[in-house]
């Protein structure tokens, strides 16, 4: 994930607290799985299995819901930036600076033997 967060230390507290960081995740998503789970690394991406079919945007909606639960953010804080019709997706998460550690922990999950 990359941190493109910027904060102005001289801003008033209301503006500083309202500021959010944007983090990007490259994902390899496998729809139609038995259960939704993080599998581990898949090349330069994080592999996630989603228990929803790749029909009528169901897998993308389930991916956003899964990431929302895993990262403890609102669904509206997660945006699919690329790959809506592909297994390879670029997702942007808008959250506070503490999200960097949570995302780093996700990306350190070892690759499972399949």
N, C-alpha and C. Protein backbone atom coordinates (compact mmCIF):
# COMPACT_ATOMS: atom_id res chain seq x y z
N UNK A 1 0.84 -1.18 0.00
CA UNK A 1 0.00 0.00 0.00
C UNK A 1 0.87 1.23 0.00
N UNK A 2 0.35 2.28 -0.57
CA UNK A 2 1.11 3.52 -0.58
C UNK A 2 0.33 4.55 0.20
N UNK A 3 1.05 5.36 0.94
CA UNK A 3 0.44 6.39 1.76
C UNK A 3 0.61 7.72 1.05
N UNK A 4 -0.49 8.31 0.63
CA UNK A 4 -0.44 9.62 0.00
C UNK A 4 -1.10 10.64 0.91
N UNK A 5 -0.94 10.43 2.20
CA UNK A 5 -1.54 11.28 3.20
C UNK A 5 -0.68 12.52 3.39
N UNK A 6 -1.32 13.65 3.45
CA UNK A 6 -0.58 14.87 3.78
C UNK A 6 -1.35 15.60 4.86
N UNK A 7 -0.65 16.14 5.78
CA UNK A 7 -1.31 16.89 6.84
C UNK A 7 -0.59 18.21 7.03
N UNK A 8 -1.37 19.21 7.31
CA UNK A 8 -0.84 20.55 7.54
C UNK A 8 -0.86 20.80 9.04
N UNK A 9 0.30 20.82 9.66
CA UNK A 9 0.37 20.99 11.10
C UNK A 9 -0.11 22.37 11.55
N UNK A 10 -0.20 23.30 10.62
CA UNK A 10 -0.62 24.65 10.98
C UNK A 10 -2.11 24.88 10.76
N UNK A 11 -2.81 23.86 10.25
CA UNK A 11 -4.25 24.00 10.03
C UNK A 11 -4.96 24.03 11.38
N UNK A 12 -6.16 24.59 11.38
CA UNK A 12 -6.89 24.58 12.64
C UNK A 12 -7.32 23.15 12.95
N UNK A 13 -7.59 22.82 14.23
CA UNK A 13 -7.88 21.43 14.61
C UNK A 13 -9.04 20.80 13.85
N UNK A 14 -10.08 21.55 13.56
CA UNK A 14 -11.22 20.99 12.84
C UNK A 14 -10.80 20.52 11.45
N UNK A 15 -9.99 21.32 10.77
CA UNK A 15 -9.52 20.92 9.45
C UNK A 15 -8.57 19.74 9.53
N UNK A 16 -7.69 19.75 10.53
CA UNK A 16 -6.71 18.68 10.67
C UNK A 16 -7.42 17.36 10.98
N UNK A 17 -8.43 17.37 11.85
CA UNK A 17 -9.15 16.15 12.21
C UNK A 17 -9.98 15.64 11.03
N UNK A 18 -10.43 16.55 10.18
CA UNK A 18 -11.24 16.14 9.04
C UNK A 18 -10.37 15.56 7.93
N UNK A 19 -9.07 15.84 7.97
CA UNK A 19 -8.18 15.35 6.92
C UNK A 19 -8.09 13.84 6.99
N UNK A 20 -8.11 13.22 5.83
CA UNK A 20 -8.02 11.77 5.78
C UNK A 20 -6.88 11.38 4.86
N UNK A 21 -6.39 10.18 5.04
CA UNK A 21 -5.32 9.65 4.22
C UNK A 21 -5.93 8.71 3.19
N UNK A 22 -5.27 8.62 2.04
CA UNK A 22 -5.73 7.69 1.01
C UNK A 22 -4.66 6.64 0.82
N UNK A 23 -5.07 5.41 0.88
CA UNK A 23 -4.17 4.26 0.73
C UNK A 23 -4.65 3.43 -0.45
N UNK A 24 -3.72 2.88 -1.20
CA UNK A 24 -4.12 2.03 -2.32
C UNK A 24 -3.66 0.60 -2.08
N UNK A 25 -4.48 -0.32 -2.54
CA UNK A 25 -4.20 -1.75 -2.44
C UNK A 25 -4.38 -2.37 -3.82
N UNK A 26 -3.41 -3.15 -4.26
CA UNK A 26 -3.57 -3.92 -5.49
C UNK A 26 -4.04 -5.31 -5.04
N UNK A 27 -5.16 -5.73 -5.59
CA UNK A 27 -5.76 -7.00 -5.18
C UNK A 27 -5.91 -7.95 -6.35
N UNK A 28 -5.83 -9.23 -6.05
CA UNK A 28 -6.20 -10.30 -6.99
C UNK A 28 -7.38 -10.98 -6.32
N UNK A 29 -8.55 -10.87 -6.92
CA UNK A 29 -9.78 -11.34 -6.29
C UNK A 29 -10.29 -12.59 -7.00
N UNK A 30 -10.61 -13.60 -6.20
CA UNK A 30 -11.18 -14.84 -6.72
C UNK A 30 -12.63 -14.91 -6.26
N UNK A 31 -13.59 -14.64 -7.16
CA UNK A 31 -15.00 -14.72 -6.78
C UNK A 31 -15.50 -16.16 -6.74
N UNK A 32 -16.67 -16.36 -6.16
CA UNK A 32 -17.29 -17.68 -6.13
C UNK A 32 -16.63 -18.65 -5.19
N UNK A 33 -15.93 -18.16 -4.18
CA UNK A 33 -15.24 -19.03 -3.22
C UNK A 33 -16.23 -19.56 -2.18
N UNK A 34 -15.83 -20.58 -1.45
CA UNK A 34 -16.67 -21.14 -0.40
C UNK A 34 -16.87 -20.13 0.73
N UNK A 35 -15.84 -19.34 1.01
CA UNK A 35 -15.96 -18.29 2.03
C UNK A 35 -15.03 -17.14 1.67
N UNK A 36 -15.36 -15.95 2.18
CA UNK A 36 -14.51 -14.78 1.94
C UNK A 36 -13.34 -14.82 2.90
N UNK A 37 -12.13 -14.66 2.34
CA UNK A 37 -10.93 -14.70 3.18
C UNK A 37 -9.75 -14.09 2.44
N UNK A 38 -8.78 -13.64 3.22
CA UNK A 38 -7.52 -13.18 2.65
C UNK A 38 -6.62 -14.40 2.52
N UNK A 39 -6.08 -14.61 1.34
CA UNK A 39 -5.25 -15.79 1.09
C UNK A 39 -3.78 -15.48 1.33
N UNK A 40 -3.33 -14.32 0.90
CA UNK A 40 -1.92 -13.94 1.03
C UNK A 40 -1.45 -13.26 -0.22
N UNK A 41 -0.16 -13.25 -0.43
CA UNK A 41 0.42 -12.57 -1.59
C UNK A 41 0.16 -13.37 -2.87
N UNK A 42 -0.04 -12.64 -3.96
CA UNK A 42 -0.20 -13.22 -5.29
C UNK A 42 0.56 -12.30 -6.23
N UNK A 43 1.85 -12.56 -6.42
CA UNK A 43 2.70 -11.65 -7.19
C UNK A 43 2.82 -10.34 -6.44
N UNK A 44 2.46 -9.24 -7.10
CA UNK A 44 2.54 -7.92 -6.47
C UNK A 44 1.22 -7.51 -5.82
N UNK A 45 0.28 -8.44 -5.74
CA UNK A 45 -1.05 -8.13 -5.21
C UNK A 45 -1.36 -8.97 -3.97
N UNK A 46 -2.40 -8.57 -3.28
CA UNK A 46 -2.92 -9.32 -2.14
C UNK A 46 -4.10 -10.13 -2.67
N UNK A 47 -4.07 -11.46 -2.49
CA UNK A 47 -5.14 -12.31 -3.00
C UNK A 47 -6.24 -12.44 -1.97
N UNK A 48 -7.47 -12.22 -2.43
CA UNK A 48 -8.65 -12.33 -1.57
C UNK A 48 -9.67 -13.21 -2.28
N UNK A 49 -10.21 -14.17 -1.56
CA UNK A 49 -11.31 -14.99 -2.06
C UNK A 49 -12.60 -14.36 -1.56
N UNK A 50 -13.58 -14.27 -2.45
CA UNK A 50 -14.86 -13.67 -2.11
C UNK A 50 -15.98 -14.68 -2.37
N UNK A 51 -16.83 -14.85 -1.38
CA UNK A 51 -17.94 -15.81 -1.47
C UNK A 51 -19.16 -15.17 -2.13
N UNK A 52 -18.97 -14.66 -3.31
CA UNK A 52 -20.06 -14.10 -4.11
C UNK A 52 -19.70 -14.32 -5.57
N UNK A 53 -20.70 -14.55 -6.41
CA UNK A 53 -20.40 -14.77 -7.83
C UNK A 53 -20.02 -13.48 -8.53
N UNK A 54 -19.29 -13.62 -9.62
CA UNK A 54 -18.89 -12.47 -10.43
C UNK A 54 -20.01 -12.13 -11.42
N UNK A 55 -21.19 -11.87 -10.87
CA UNK A 55 -22.38 -11.59 -11.67
C UNK A 55 -23.06 -10.35 -11.11
N UNK A 56 -23.47 -9.45 -11.98
CA UNK A 56 -24.21 -8.25 -11.57
C UNK A 56 -23.51 -7.46 -10.47
N UNK A 57 -22.20 -7.38 -10.53
CA UNK A 57 -21.40 -6.60 -9.57
C UNK A 57 -21.46 -7.15 -8.13
N UNK A 58 -21.98 -8.37 -7.96
CA UNK A 58 -22.10 -8.95 -6.61
C UNK A 58 -20.74 -9.17 -5.95
N UNK A 59 -19.76 -9.64 -6.72
CA UNK A 59 -18.44 -9.89 -6.14
C UNK A 59 -17.78 -8.58 -5.73
N UNK A 60 -17.92 -7.53 -6.52
CA UNK A 60 -17.34 -6.24 -6.16
C UNK A 60 -17.99 -5.68 -4.89
N UNK A 61 -19.32 -5.78 -4.81
CA UNK A 61 -20.02 -5.30 -3.61
C UNK A 61 -19.60 -6.11 -2.39
N UNK A 62 -19.45 -7.43 -2.56
CA UNK A 62 -19.03 -8.29 -1.45
C UNK A 62 -17.59 -7.98 -1.05
N UNK A 63 -16.74 -7.65 -2.02
CA UNK A 63 -15.35 -7.28 -1.73
C UNK A 63 -15.32 -6.02 -0.88
N UNK A 64 -16.08 -5.01 -1.25
CA UNK A 64 -16.11 -3.76 -0.49
C UNK A 64 -16.63 -4.04 0.94
N UNK A 65 -17.67 -4.85 1.07
CA UNK A 65 -18.20 -5.18 2.40
C UNK A 65 -17.16 -5.94 3.22
N UNK A 66 -16.45 -6.89 2.60
CA UNK A 66 -15.43 -7.67 3.28
C UNK A 66 -14.29 -6.77 3.76
N UNK A 67 -13.80 -5.91 2.87
CA UNK A 67 -12.72 -4.99 3.26
C UNK A 67 -13.18 -4.03 4.35
N UNK A 68 -14.41 -3.59 4.26
CA UNK A 68 -14.97 -2.70 5.28
C UNK A 68 -14.93 -3.36 6.65
N UNK A 69 -15.34 -4.62 6.71
CA UNK A 69 -15.31 -5.37 7.97
C UNK A 69 -13.88 -5.60 8.45
N UNK A 70 -13.02 -6.03 7.54
CA UNK A 70 -11.63 -6.35 7.92
C UNK A 70 -10.86 -5.12 8.41
N UNK A 71 -11.10 -4.00 7.76
CA UNK A 71 -10.35 -2.78 8.07
C UNK A 71 -11.07 -1.85 9.04
N UNK A 72 -12.29 -2.24 9.39
CA UNK A 72 -13.10 -1.46 10.34
C UNK A 72 -13.30 -0.03 9.87
N UNK A 73 -13.73 0.12 8.62
CA UNK A 73 -14.07 1.42 8.05
C UNK A 73 -15.45 1.30 7.38
N UNK A 74 -16.06 2.44 7.13
CA UNK A 74 -17.35 2.44 6.42
C UNK A 74 -17.13 1.99 4.98
N UNK A 75 -18.15 1.40 4.40
CA UNK A 75 -18.07 0.99 3.00
C UNK A 75 -17.78 2.18 2.10
N UNK A 76 -18.31 3.35 2.49
CA UNK A 76 -18.10 4.56 1.68
C UNK A 76 -16.64 5.01 1.67
N UNK A 77 -15.82 4.46 2.58
CA UNK A 77 -14.40 4.81 2.63
C UNK A 77 -13.57 3.96 1.67
N UNK A 78 -14.23 3.02 0.99
CA UNK A 78 -13.53 2.12 0.07
C UNK A 78 -14.03 2.36 -1.34
N UNK A 79 -13.10 2.60 -2.25
CA UNK A 79 -13.47 2.87 -3.64
C UNK A 79 -12.68 1.95 -4.56
N UNK A 80 -13.39 1.35 -5.50
CA UNK A 80 -12.76 0.51 -6.53
C UNK A 80 -12.31 1.45 -7.65
N UNK A 81 -11.00 1.64 -7.79
CA UNK A 81 -10.46 2.60 -8.76
C UNK A 81 -10.20 1.99 -10.13
N UNK A 82 -9.84 0.71 -10.17
CA UNK A 82 -9.59 0.02 -11.44
C UNK A 82 -9.99 -1.44 -11.29
N UNK A 83 -10.41 -2.04 -12.40
CA UNK A 83 -10.62 -3.49 -12.43
C UNK A 83 -12.00 -3.97 -12.05
N UNK A 84 -13.03 -3.17 -12.25
CA UNK A 84 -14.38 -3.58 -11.88
C UNK A 84 -14.78 -4.90 -12.54
N UNK A 85 -14.32 -5.13 -13.77
CA UNK A 85 -14.67 -6.35 -14.48
C UNK A 85 -13.53 -7.36 -14.55
N UNK A 86 -12.55 -7.21 -13.67
CA UNK A 86 -11.35 -8.04 -13.72
C UNK A 86 -11.05 -8.62 -12.33
N UNK A 87 -10.25 -9.66 -12.30
CA UNK A 87 -9.81 -10.19 -11.01
C UNK A 87 -8.78 -9.27 -10.36
N UNK A 88 -8.03 -8.55 -11.18
CA UNK A 88 -7.01 -7.63 -10.67
C UNK A 88 -7.66 -6.26 -10.45
N UNK A 89 -7.62 -5.80 -9.22
CA UNK A 89 -8.32 -4.58 -8.86
C UNK A 89 -7.42 -3.64 -8.07
N UNK A 90 -7.61 -2.35 -8.30
CA UNK A 90 -6.94 -1.33 -7.51
C UNK A 90 -8.01 -0.69 -6.64
N UNK A 91 -7.81 -0.78 -5.33
CA UNK A 91 -8.78 -0.28 -4.36
C UNK A 91 -8.14 0.85 -3.58
N UNK A 92 -8.92 1.90 -3.33
CA UNK A 92 -8.46 3.02 -2.52
C UNK A 92 -9.27 3.05 -1.22
N UNK A 93 -8.55 3.17 -0.10
CA UNK A 93 -9.18 3.25 1.22
C UNK A 93 -8.87 4.63 1.79
N UNK A 94 -9.91 5.33 2.21
CA UNK A 94 -9.74 6.63 2.84
C UNK A 94 -9.96 6.45 4.33
N UNK A 95 -8.93 6.76 5.11
CA UNK A 95 -8.99 6.55 6.56
C UNK A 95 -7.94 7.42 7.24
N UNK A 96 -7.87 7.30 8.53
CA UNK A 96 -6.88 8.05 9.30
C UNK A 96 -5.50 7.46 9.15
N UNK A 97 -4.49 8.14 9.69
CA UNK A 97 -3.10 7.68 9.55
C UNK A 97 -2.82 6.33 10.18
N UNK A 98 -3.67 5.89 11.13
CA UNK A 98 -3.47 4.59 11.77
C UNK A 98 -3.74 3.42 10.82
N UNK A 99 -4.38 3.69 9.68
CA UNK A 99 -4.69 2.63 8.72
C UNK A 99 -3.43 2.04 8.11
N UNK A 100 -2.35 2.79 8.03
CA UNK A 100 -1.11 2.30 7.42
C UNK A 100 -0.64 1.01 8.08
N UNK A 101 -0.71 0.96 9.41
CA UNK A 101 -0.27 -0.24 10.13
C UNK A 101 -1.19 -1.42 9.85
N UNK A 102 -2.51 -1.18 9.77
CA UNK A 102 -3.45 -2.27 9.49
C UNK A 102 -3.24 -2.84 8.09
N UNK A 103 -3.01 -1.96 7.13
CA UNK A 103 -2.77 -2.42 5.76
C UNK A 103 -1.45 -3.16 5.64
N UNK A 104 -0.44 -2.68 6.33
CA UNK A 104 0.86 -3.35 6.32
C UNK A 104 0.73 -4.76 6.89
N UNK A 105 -0.07 -4.92 7.94
CA UNK A 105 -0.28 -6.25 8.53
C UNK A 105 -0.97 -7.17 7.54
N UNK A 106 -1.93 -6.67 6.79
CA UNK A 106 -2.61 -7.48 5.78
C UNK A 106 -1.63 -7.95 4.72
N UNK A 107 -0.74 -7.06 4.31
CA UNK A 107 0.17 -7.39 3.23
C UNK A 107 1.30 -8.32 3.68
N UNK A 108 1.47 -8.51 4.97
CA UNK A 108 2.50 -9.44 5.46
C UNK A 108 1.99 -10.86 5.61
N UNK A 109 0.71 -11.08 5.33
CA UNK A 109 0.16 -12.42 5.42
C UNK A 109 0.88 -13.30 4.40
N UNK A 110 1.45 -14.43 4.84
CA UNK A 110 2.18 -15.28 3.89
C UNK A 110 1.23 -15.94 2.89
N UNK A 111 1.79 -16.28 1.76
CA UNK A 111 1.00 -16.94 0.73
C UNK A 111 0.66 -18.35 1.17
N UNK A 112 -0.64 -18.71 1.06
CA UNK A 112 -1.07 -20.06 1.42
C UNK A 112 -0.74 -21.02 0.29
N UNK A 113 -0.49 -22.26 0.67
CA UNK A 113 -0.31 -23.32 -0.34
C UNK A 113 -1.70 -23.67 -0.85
N UNK A 114 -1.83 -23.73 -2.17
CA UNK A 114 -3.16 -24.02 -2.74
C UNK A 114 -3.17 -25.34 -3.45
